[in-house]
Amino acid sequence: MKKNTAVLSTENDLLVDLTFHNVPASLLSEFAEKIVTPYYAGNINAAIQDLMHKALSEQDFILSHITHVRTKAAVLQQESVGGEPARLS
């Protein structure tokens, strides 16, 4: 599935600051201890950015796989009722 998203040419360079509200200290502490310190050398900013990129990549993969499976199922269903397979573009 390809995305048709318009992106401003300067958007790739645009940096934003984030503020998190109502995050339990215990959650932040555990995240830092179990994820940030061992895998990101204590850099919570790098950890959050990397994990966001990974989550988006996984979501794209899952959506493309689901689309592929649904498309294949539609073709098989069409063939099973004696019709011509749907054309995929």
Protein backbone atom coordinates (compact mmCIF):
# COMPACT_ATOMS: atom_id res chain seq x y z
CA MET A 1 0.00 0.00 0.00
CA LYS A 2 1.56 3.24 -1.09
CA LYS A 3 0.85 6.43 0.76
CA ASN A 4 -0.09 9.56 -1.10
CA THR A 5 0.97 12.05 1.51
CA ALA A 6 1.95 15.58 0.63
CA VAL A 7 5.04 16.63 2.53
CA LEU A 8 6.37 20.14 2.69
CA SER A 9 9.96 20.31 1.53
CA THR A 10 11.01 21.78 4.87
CA GLU A 11 8.99 19.31 6.97
CA ASN A 12 11.80 16.76 6.97
CA ASP A 13 14.05 19.29 8.69
CA LEU A 14 11.42 20.54 11.13
CA LEU A 15 12.24 19.54 14.69
CA VAL A 16 9.64 19.67 17.45
CA ASP A 17 9.82 19.46 21.22
CA LEU A 18 7.50 17.05 22.99
CA THR A 19 6.13 17.24 26.50
CA PHE A 20 4.55 14.22 28.12
CA HIS A 21 1.94 14.74 30.82
CA ASN A 22 0.82 12.35 33.55
CA VAL A 23 3.42 9.68 32.88
CA PRO A 24 4.02 7.68 36.05
CA ALA A 25 7.55 8.07 37.36
CA SER A 26 7.72 4.30 37.82
CA LEU A 27 7.01 3.76 34.11
CA LEU A 28 9.67 6.24 33.05
CA SER A 29 12.15 4.77 35.50
CA GLU A 30 11.52 1.21 34.32
CA PHE A 31 11.74 2.29 30.67
CA ALA A 32 15.06 4.01 31.34
CA GLU A 33 16.41 1.03 33.28
CA LYS A 34 15.30 -1.76 30.93
CA ILE A 35 15.41 -0.08 27.50
CA VAL A 36 17.23 3.25 27.41
CA THR A 37 20.31 2.45 29.47
CA PRO A 38 21.26 -0.92 27.92
CA TYR A 39 20.26 -0.26 24.30
CA TYR A 40 20.60 3.49 23.82
CA ALA A 41 23.49 4.40 26.12
CA GLY A 42 21.14 6.36 28.35
CA ASN A 43 19.88 8.62 25.54
CA ILE A 44 16.11 8.71 26.04
CA ASN A 45 15.66 11.00 23.03
CA ALA A 46 17.34 8.48 20.72
CA ALA A 47 15.32 5.66 22.28
CA ILE A 48 11.97 7.36 21.71
CA GLN A 49 12.82 8.35 18.13
CA ASP A 50 14.10 4.88 17.26
CA LEU A 51 11.10 3.15 18.79
CA MET A 52 8.72 5.48 16.95
CA HIS A 53 10.45 4.67 13.64
CA LYS A 54 10.29 0.94 14.40
CA ALA A 55 6.59 1.12 15.30
CA LEU A 56 5.81 2.92 12.03
CA SER A 57 7.83 0.41 10.00
CA GLU A 58 6.06 -2.51 11.64
CA GLN A 59 2.67 -0.91 11.02
CA ASP A 60 3.50 -0.36 7.34
CA PHE A 61 4.64 -3.98 7.02
CA ILE A 62 1.48 -5.31 8.71
CA LEU A 63 -0.82 -3.17 6.58
CA SER A 64 0.93 -4.19 3.37
CA HIS A 65 0.76 -7.86 4.38
CA ILE A 66 -2.95 -7.62 5.24
CA THR A 67 -3.66 -5.90 1.93
CA HIS A 68 -1.74 -8.62 0.07
CA VAL A 69 -3.64 -11.39 1.89
CA ARG A 70 -7.02 -9.71 1.28
CA THR A 71 -6.21 -9.17 -2.40
CA LYS A 72 -5.12 -12.80 -2.81
CA ALA A 73 -8.28 -14.00 -1.02
CA ALA A 74 -10.47 -11.90 -3.32
CA VAL A 75 -8.75 -13.36 -6.41
CA LEU A 76 -9.17 -16.91 -5.12
CA GLN A 77 -12.80 -16.30 -4.27
CA GLN A 78 -13.50 -14.86 -7.73
CA GLU A 79 -11.80 -17.85 -9.38
CA SER A 80 -13.77 -20.32 -7.21
CA VAL A 81 -17.10 -18.96 -8.46
CA GLY A 82 -16.03 -19.43 -12.06
CA GLY A 83 -15.31 -15.85 -12.90
CA GLU A 84 -12.14 -14.34 -14.19
CA PRO A 85 -9.63 -13.28 -11.60
CA ALA A 86 -9.76 -9.63 -10.68
CA ARG A 87 -7.04 -7.57 -12.31
CA LEU A 88 -4.53 -6.18 -9.92
CA SER A 89 -3.06 -2.81 -10.70
